[in-house]
Amino acid sequence: MLTNISIKNYKTLKNTEIQLAPLTLLSGLNGLGKSSVIQILLLLRQSFKNSNFENGLFLRGDLIELGLGKDVYSIDSDVEEGIYFDVEWNYETNLGVKFDASLDKDVLSLNMININDNLKLDEKALFSKRFQYLCANRINPQIQYKTSSYFVEELNSLGKTGEYTAHYLAKFQDKVINNINLKHPKAKSDTLIDNVSAWMAELSPGVKINATYHKDLESASISYQFEERDEYTDSFKPIHVGFGLTYVLPVITALLMSQKGDLLIIENPESHLHPAGQSRIGHLCALVAQEGVQLILESHSDHVLNGIRVAVKQQIINSEDTALYFFQRDINSNTHETDVIPLFIDENGRIDEWPKGFMDEWEKQLNILLEK
C-alpha cells in the first residue's frame, strides 16, 4: 500500500507531503492541487511503463497529457532545483526520483533516482496490472461501445474513461466477484453482473444491467431494465435512461472487480448522481477499502464524505484507515502555493476541524435563507 508521497516544485505543490491511507479523500476549491496529486502518480506510472524512468518523466502519454515542463514547474522556483517525487510503500520502502526542469520539453530528463534494494517496482500496484484509474470525464450514454481484448483481458482494465466497461461486463459478467464481502444483500447471486445491478439499484431502484459483446461488430452494448413487481420491463438503451447511471457504471464496476492489494484512483465518483446516490458511493468505497483495496478519491461532494463518515461510525471501516485532505491557498501570500490541510475523522465519524470553504456551502446558504 502507498503510505506517503513527498512533492517538490510541481505546480502549486512546492513542498508538500501527503500521508495516504487505505481510503484517501482529496477535497478543496478548484485549481488548488487536488488533481496534481493524482497527476503525479499517473506520471510516475506512465514514465515507468515507458522506460523504467531511464528516459525521464513523460508529460505526454496514454494516461495523461500535460504539455511542457513550463506547464508543470512551480512558479518562481529555481529551475536548478528540478522536480522531485518520493513515494513510500508500507512505511518502509521508497522510490525517490528527481527530474530536470526543462521548461520547453515534454520529457524531463532523469537527474537522480533512489530505490531501496529490496523494492521491486513492477510488483507494486501503481506499476502493475493491479491498477485502475477513472478520470472525471467518463463514458456517456451510447448505443455501442468499443472493445479491447488487450485492456480487458491482459490489463484487467476498464480504460481511463471507463470506455471498456461494457466489454468487461460482457466478458466477465458470470465471474464470481473477487471479494465476497462486497456482495450486495439483495444480489441474486455472487456474480459480477448481479452485484453490479444490485449496487446500481441503490442509485436507481430496481435497475438491472445487461451487457452484450457483439463479436462481428467488435463492439459491446449496455442496456437497462427496471423491476416491476415480479417482472422486468423491456430493455432500454443508455441514451434513453438517466445520464448518471451510465456515468457511474464504471465506478461501481471498478469497485466490485477489485481485489486485495489493488490501487484504484477515481476522480469525482459522485458526478451526475442524486445526493442519496452520492452517499452510497461513499459507503461502498469505505467497504471496498476495508477489504484491502487502496482508494484515492478526488471529490467535491459532502455526501460522499458523509457516506464515509457514517461508514466509520458504523464500524464498516476503521477511522485510522481513512485520510482526508483539504486544499487551500492564501490569496494574500507572496507565493502561488497550496496549503494541504490534513483533517481527521474520529471513531464516531466526527471531523476534528472544519476549515473555511470545506464542505460548508450548504450551511452558508441555509444561514442566508434563515435571515430575517
Foldseek 3Di string as FASTA:
>chain_A
DWAKKWKDFWAQAHTDIDGFFLAEEEEADPPQCLVVVVVVLVQCLQCCVVPNCQAAGACDDQRHHQAFLLRTGFPPDDQVQAIWMWIDDPVPWIKIWGFGSPGHHRGTHTDDIDGPPPDDPQVAQSRYLLEEAAEPQADWFDFKAAADCCCCVVSVYCGRRSRHVLVNCQVQQQPFFQDQLLADPPQPDRGLQSRLQVLLCQQPPAKHKDKHQDVVVNIIAIWIWGDDPPDIDPTDGRVVDQGLSVNLSSVSSVLRNHAANGEYEYEASPPRGDLSSLLSSLLSSQLSSQRHYRYYYYHHDPSSLQSVLVCLLVVSHPQVSYWYWYWDDDPPDPGSHIDIDTWGQHSNSDIPDADPRRPCVVVVVVVVVPDD
